[in-house]
Amino acid sequence: MKNVMKIDGYDAVINYDPEIEMFRGEFTNLNGGADFYASDIKGLHKEGQLSLNMFLEMCSEDGVNPRKNYSGKFNVRISPELHESLVLKASATGKSINQIVVESISNTVVSEL
Protein backbone atom coordinates (compact mmCIF):
# COMPACT_ATOMS: atom_id res chain seq x y z
CA MET A 1 0.00 0.00 0.00
CA LYS A 2 1.32 3.44 -0.86
CA ASN A 3 2.46 5.81 1.86
CA VAL A 4 2.62 3.13 4.57
CA MET A 5 5.83 2.18 6.34
CA LYS A 6 6.04 -0.85 8.63
CA ILE A 7 8.39 -0.61 11.61
CA ASP A 8 8.64 -3.59 13.96
CA GLY A 9 5.15 -4.75 12.96
CA TYR A 10 3.54 -1.33 13.46
CA ASP A 11 2.16 0.66 10.49
CA ALA A 12 2.84 4.33 9.94
CA VAL A 13 1.21 6.51 7.30
CA ILE A 14 3.71 8.77 5.53
CA ASN A 15 2.83 12.17 4.04
CA TYR A 16 4.86 15.05 2.69
CA ASP A 17 4.48 18.42 4.43
CA PRO A 18 5.39 21.14 1.92
CA GLU A 19 5.37 23.87 4.58
CA ILE A 20 8.39 22.38 6.34
CA GLU A 21 9.66 20.41 3.32
CA MET A 22 9.80 17.16 5.27
CA PHE A 23 8.04 13.82 5.37
CA ARG A 24 5.81 13.12 8.35
CA GLY A 25 5.09 9.64 9.62
CA GLU A 26 2.25 8.86 12.00
CA PHE A 27 1.72 5.44 13.54
CA THR A 28 -1.81 4.10 13.28
CA ASN A 29 -3.60 1.61 15.51
CA LEU A 30 -1.79 2.76 18.64
CA ASN A 31 -3.35 3.50 21.99
CA GLY A 32 -2.05 7.06 21.70
CA GLY A 33 -0.15 9.26 19.29
CA ALA A 34 3.34 8.75 17.90
CA ASP A 35 4.70 10.66 14.94
CA PHE A 36 8.07 11.47 13.39
CA TYR A 37 9.66 13.68 10.73
CA ALA A 38 12.55 13.32 8.31
CA SER A 39 13.73 14.62 4.95
CA ASP A 40 14.44 11.20 3.41
CA ILE A 41 13.51 7.50 3.63
CA LYS A 42 16.55 6.50 5.68
CA GLY A 43 15.75 9.28 8.15
CA LEU A 44 12.11 8.18 8.32
CA HIS A 45 13.14 4.67 9.31
CA LYS A 46 15.53 5.99 11.96
CA GLU A 47 13.15 8.59 13.42
CA GLY A 48 10.20 6.19 13.21
CA GLN A 49 12.11 3.58 15.19
CA LEU A 50 13.06 6.16 17.84
CA SER A 51 9.47 7.42 18.11
CA LEU A 52 8.05 3.91 18.33
CA ASN A 53 10.59 2.82 20.95
CA MET A 54 9.78 5.86 23.09
CA PHE A 55 6.03 5.19 22.78
CA LEU A 56 6.42 1.48 23.64
CA GLU A 57 8.63 2.33 26.62
CA MET A 58 6.01 4.76 27.97
CA CYS A 59 3.29 2.13 27.52
CA SER A 60 5.40 -0.41 29.37
CA GLU A 61 6.03 2.00 32.25
CA ASP A 62 2.32 2.83 32.50
CA GLY A 63 1.13 -0.76 32.05
CA VAL A 64 -0.83 0.16 28.90
CA ASN A 65 -1.38 -2.07 25.88
CA PRO A 66 0.29 -0.18 23.01
CA ARG A 67 -2.13 -1.47 20.35
CA LYS A 68 -5.57 0.04 20.01
CA ASN A 69 -8.48 -2.40 20.34
CA TYR A 70 -11.35 -2.23 17.88
CA SER A 71 -14.93 -3.35 18.54
CA GLY A 72 -15.67 -4.32 14.93
CA LYS A 73 -18.60 -1.91 14.86
CA PHE A 74 -18.89 1.45 13.14
CA ASN A 75 -21.67 3.60 11.66
CA VAL A 76 -21.79 4.58 8.02
CA ARG A 77 -23.98 7.30 6.55
CA ILE A 78 -25.14 6.70 2.98
CA SER A 79 -27.74 8.24 0.71
CA PRO A 80 -31.29 6.88 0.89
CA GLU A 81 -30.92 5.74 -2.74
CA LEU A 82 -27.80 3.70 -1.96
CA HIS A 83 -29.50 2.28 1.13
CA GLU A 84 -32.43 1.17 -1.03
CA SER A 85 -30.07 -0.43 -3.56
CA LEU A 86 -28.22 -2.19 -0.75
CA VAL A 87 -31.44 -3.68 0.61
CA LEU A 88 -32.42 -4.85 -2.88
CA LYS A 89 -28.98 -6.42 -3.49
CA ALA A 90 -29.08 -8.18 -0.10
CA SER A 91 -32.59 -9.51 -0.69
CA ALA A 92 -31.82 -10.64 -4.24
CA THR A 93 -28.69 -12.53 -3.18
CA GLY A 94 -30.11 -14.02 0.03
CA LYS A 95 -27.55 -12.18 2.15
CA SER A 96 -27.83 -9.69 4.97
CA ILE A 97 -26.96 -6.04 4.50
CA ASN A 98 -24.03 -6.63 6.85
CA GLN A 99 -22.71 -9.49 4.68
CA ILE A 100 -22.86 -7.32 1.54
CA VAL A 101 -21.04 -4.45 3.27
CA VAL A 102 -18.36 -6.72 4.77
CA GLU A 103 -17.74 -8.38 1.39
CA SER A 104 -17.51 -5.00 -0.35
CA ILE A 105 -15.13 -3.55 2.21
CA SER A 106 -13.01 -6.71 2.22
CA ASN A 107 -12.75 -6.68 -1.57
CA THR A 108 -11.69 -3.04 -1.56
CA VAL A 109 -9.52 -2.69 1.53
CA VAL A 110 -7.92 -6.10 1.99
CA SER A 111 -6.98 -6.44 -1.67
CA GLU A 112 -4.96 -3.20 -1.41
CA LEU A 113 -2.92 -4.27 1.62
C-alpha atoms as a PDB file:
ATOM      1  CA  MET A   1       0.000   0.000   0.000  1.00  0.00           C
ATOM      2  CA  LYS A   2       1.316   3.438  -0.865  1.00  0.00           C
ATOM      3  CA  ASN A   3       2.461   5.807   1.857  1.00  0.00           C
ATOM      4  CA  VAL A   4       2.623   3.132   4.568  1.00  0.00           C
ATOM      5  CA  MET A   5       5.831   2.180   6.337  1.00  0.00           C
ATOM      6  CA  LYS A   6       6.037  -0.847   8.627  1.00  0.00           C
ATOM      7  CA  ILE A   7       8.391  -0.607  11.605  1.00  0.00           C
ATOM      8  CA  ASP A   8       8.639  -3.587  13.964  1.00  0.00           C
ATOM      9  CA  GLY A   9       5.154  -4.745  12.956  1.00  0.00           C
ATOM     10  CA  TYR A  10       3.543  -1.332  13.456  1.00  0.00           C
ATOM     11  CA  ASP A  11       2.156   0.662  10.494  1.00  0.00           C
ATOM     12  CA  ALA A  12       2.838   4.335   9.939  1.00  0.00           C
ATOM     13  CA  VAL A  13       1.214   6.507   7.297  1.00  0.00           C
ATOM     14  CA  ILE A  14       3.710   8.770   5.529  1.00  0.00           C
ATOM     15  CA  ASN A  15       2.827  12.169   4.037  1.00  0.00           C
ATOM     16  CA  TYR A  16       4.862  15.047   2.693  1.00  0.00           C
ATOM     17  CA  ASP A  17       4.481  18.416   4.429  1.00  0.00           C
ATOM     18  CA  PRO A  18       5.390  21.138   1.917  1.00  0.00           C
ATOM     19  CA  GLU A  19       5.369  23.870   4.578  1.00  0.00           C
ATOM     20  CA  ILE A  20       8.388  22.379   6.336  1.00  0.00           C
ATOM     21  CA  GLU A  21       9.656  20.412   3.324  1.00  0.00           C
ATOM     22  CA  MET A  22       9.800  17.159   5.268  1.00  0.00           C
ATOM     23  CA  PHE A  23       8.044  13.821   5.367  1.00  0.00           C
ATOM     24  CA  ARG A  24       5.814  13.115   8.353  1.00  0.00           C
ATOM     25  CA  GLY A  25       5.091   9.640   9.623  1.00  0.00           C
ATOM     26  CA  GLU A  26       2.251   8.864  12.001  1.00  0.00           C
ATOM     27  CA  PHE A  27       1.716   5.444  13.541  1.00  0.00           C
ATOM     28  CA  THR A  28      -1.806   4.101  13.284  1.00  0.00           C
ATOM     29  CA  ASN A  29      -3.599   1.609  15.511  1.00  0.00           C
ATOM     30  CA  LEU A  30      -1.793   2.763  18.637  1.00  0.00           C
ATOM     31  CA  ASN A  31      -3.351   3.502  21.993  1.00  0.00           C
ATOM     32  CA  GLY A  32      -2.049   7.063  21.696  1.00  0.00           C
ATOM     33  CA  GLY A  33      -0.147   9.258  19.294  1.00  0.00           C
ATOM     34  CA  ALA A  34       3.336   8.753  17.905  1.00  0.00           C
ATOM     35  CA  ASP A  35       4.696  10.658  14.935  1.00  0.00           C
ATOM     36  CA  PHE A  36       8.067  11.469  13.388  1.00  0.00           C
ATOM     37  CA  TYR A  37       9.656  13.685  10.734  1.00  0.00           C
ATOM     38  CA  ALA A  38      12.553  13.325   8.312  1.00  0.00           C
ATOM     39  CA  SER A  39      13.729  14.615   4.950  1.00  0.00           C
ATOM     40  CA  ASP A  40      14.443  11.195   3.407  1.00  0.00           C
ATOM     41  CA  ILE A  41      13.507   7.505   3.632  1.00  0.00           C
ATOM     42  CA  LYS A  42      16.546   6.505   5.681  1.00  0.00           C
ATOM     43  CA  GLY A  43      15.749   9.277   8.151  1.00  0.00           C
ATOM     44  CA  LEU A  44      12.105   8.184   8.319  1.00  0.00           C
ATOM     45  CA  HIS A  45      13.141   4.672   9.307  1.00  0.00           C
ATOM     46  CA  LYS A  46      15.528   5.995  11.961  1.00  0.00           C
ATOM     47  CA  GLU A  47      13.146   8.595  13.421  1.00  0.00           C
ATOM     48  CA  GLY A  48      10.198   6.192  13.212  1.00  0.00           C
ATOM     49  CA  GLN A  49      12.115   3.577  15.191  1.00  0.00           C
ATOM     50  CA  LEU A  50      13.057   6.162  17.844  1.00  0.00           C
ATOM     51  CA  SER A  51       9.468   7.424  18.109  1.00  0.00           C
ATOM     52  CA  LEU A  52       8.047   3.911  18.331  1.00  0.00           C
ATOM     53  CA  ASN A  53      10.594   2.816  20.949  1.00  0.00           C
ATOM     54  CA  MET A  54       9.775   5.862  23.094  1.00  0.00           C
ATOM     55  CA  PHE A  55       6.031   5.186  22.778  1.00  0.00           C
ATOM     56  CA  LEU A  56       6.419   1.483  23.644  1.00  0.00           C
ATOM     57  CA  GLU A  57       8.628   2.332  26.624  1.00  0.00           C
ATOM     58  CA  MET A  58       6.014   4.764  27.970  1.00  0.00           C
ATOM     59  CA  CYS A  59       3.288   2.134  27.521  1.00  0.00           C
ATOM     60  CA  SER A  60       5.396  -0.411  29.374  1.00  0.00           C
ATOM     61  CA  GLU A  61       6.034   1.998  32.250  1.00  0.00           C
ATOM     62  CA  ASP A  62       2.320   2.830  32.498  1.00  0.00           C
ATOM     63  CA  GLY A  63       1.129  -0.763  32.046  1.00  0.00           C
ATOM     64  CA  VAL A  64      -0.828   0.160  28.904  1.00  0.00           C
ATOM     65  CA  ASN A  65      -1.380  -2.073  25.878  1.00  0.00           C
ATOM     66  CA  PRO A  66       0.286  -0.179  23.008  1.00  0.00           C
ATOM     67  CA  ARG A  67      -2.131  -1.468  20.353  1.00  0.00           C
ATOM     68  CA  LYS A  68      -5.572   0.041  20.009  1.00  0.00           C
ATOM     69  CA  ASN A  69      -8.478  -2.400  20.340  1.00  0.00           C
ATOM     70  CA  TYR A  70     -11.355  -2.234  17.884  1.00  0.00           C
ATOM     71  CA  SER A  71     -14.927  -3.355  18.536  1.00  0.00           C
ATOM     72  CA  GLY A  72     -15.669  -4.322  14.933  1.00  0.00           C
ATOM     73  CA  LYS A  73     -18.603  -1.913  14.859  1.00  0.00           C
ATOM     74  CA  PHE A  74     -18.892   1.453  13.136  1.00  0.00           C
ATOM     75  CA  ASN A  75     -21.670   3.598  11.663  1.00  0.00           C
ATOM     76  CA  VAL A  76     -21.791   4.578   8.019  1.00  0.00           C
ATOM     77  CA  ARG A  77     -23.983   7.299   6.547  1.00  0.00           C
ATOM     78  CA  ILE A  78     -25.139   6.695   2.980  1.00  0.00           C
ATOM     79  CA  SER A  79     -27.739   8.242   0.710  1.00  0.00           C
ATOM     80  CA  PRO A  80     -31.291   6.883   0.890  1.00  0.00           C
ATOM     81  CA  GLU A  81     -30.919   5.737  -2.742  1.00  0.00           C
ATOM     82  CA  LEU A  82     -27.795   3.705  -1.964  1.00  0.00           C
ATOM     83  CA  HIS A  83     -29.500   2.281   1.126  1.00  0.00           C
ATOM     84  CA  GLU A  84     -32.428   1.166  -1.029  1.00  0.00           C
ATOM     85  CA  SER A  85     -30.066  -0.435  -3.560  1.00  0.00           C
ATOM     86  CA  LEU A  86     -28.217  -2.188  -0.753  1.00  0.00           C
ATOM     87  CA  VAL A  87     -31.442  -3.676   0.609  1.00  0.00           C
ATOM     88  CA  LEU A  88     -32.416  -4.849  -2.883  1.00  0.00           C
ATOM     89  CA  LYS A  89     -28.978  -6.424  -3.487  1.00  0.00           C
ATOM     90  CA  ALA A  90     -29.079  -8.183  -0.099  1.00  0.00           C
ATOM     91  CA  SER A  91     -32.585  -9.512  -0.690  1.00  0.00           C
ATOM     92  CA  ALA A  92     -31.815 -10.638  -4.245  1.00  0.00           C
ATOM     93  CA  THR A  93     -28.694 -12.532  -3.178  1.00  0.00           C
ATOM     94  CA  GLY A  94     -30.106 -14.016   0.032  1.00  0.00           C
ATOM     95  CA  LYS A  95     -27.546 -12.182   2.145  1.00  0.00           C
ATOM     96  CA  SER A  96     -27.827  -9.695   4.965  1.00  0.00           C
ATOM     97  CA  ILE A  97     -26.959  -6.043   4.499  1.00  0.00           C
ATOM     98  CA  ASN A  98     -24.027  -6.628   6.848  1.00  0.00           C
ATOM     99  CA  GLN A  99     -22.707  -9.488   4.677  1.00  0.00           C
ATOM    100  CA  ILE A 100     -22.855  -7.320   1.538  1.00  0.00           C
ATOM    101  CA  VAL A 101     -21.038  -4.450   3.268  1.00  0.00           C
ATOM    102  CA  VAL A 102     -18.360  -6.722   4.767  1.00  0.00           C
ATOM    103  CA  GLU A 103     -17.741  -8.378   1.386  1.00  0.00           C
ATOM    104  CA  SER A 104     -17.513  -4.999  -0.353  1.00  0.00           C
ATOM    105  CA  ILE A 105     -15.126  -3.549   2.211  1.00  0.00           C
ATOM    106  CA  SER A 106     -13.013  -6.713   2.216  1.00  0.00           C
ATOM    107  CA  ASN A 107     -12.746  -6.681  -1.568  1.00  0.00           C
ATOM    108  CA  THR A 108     -11.692  -3.040  -1.559  1.00  0.00           C
ATOM    109  CA  VAL A 109      -9.515  -2.686   1.530  1.00  0.00           C
ATOM    110  CA  VAL A 110      -7.924  -6.098   1.990  1.00  0.00           C
ATOM    111  CA  SER A 111      -6.982  -6.443  -1.674  1.00  0.00           C
ATOM    112  CA  GLU A 112      -4.964  -3.199  -1.409  1.00  0.00           C
ATOM    113  CA  LEU A 113      -2.917  -4.270   1.619  1.00  0.00           C
END
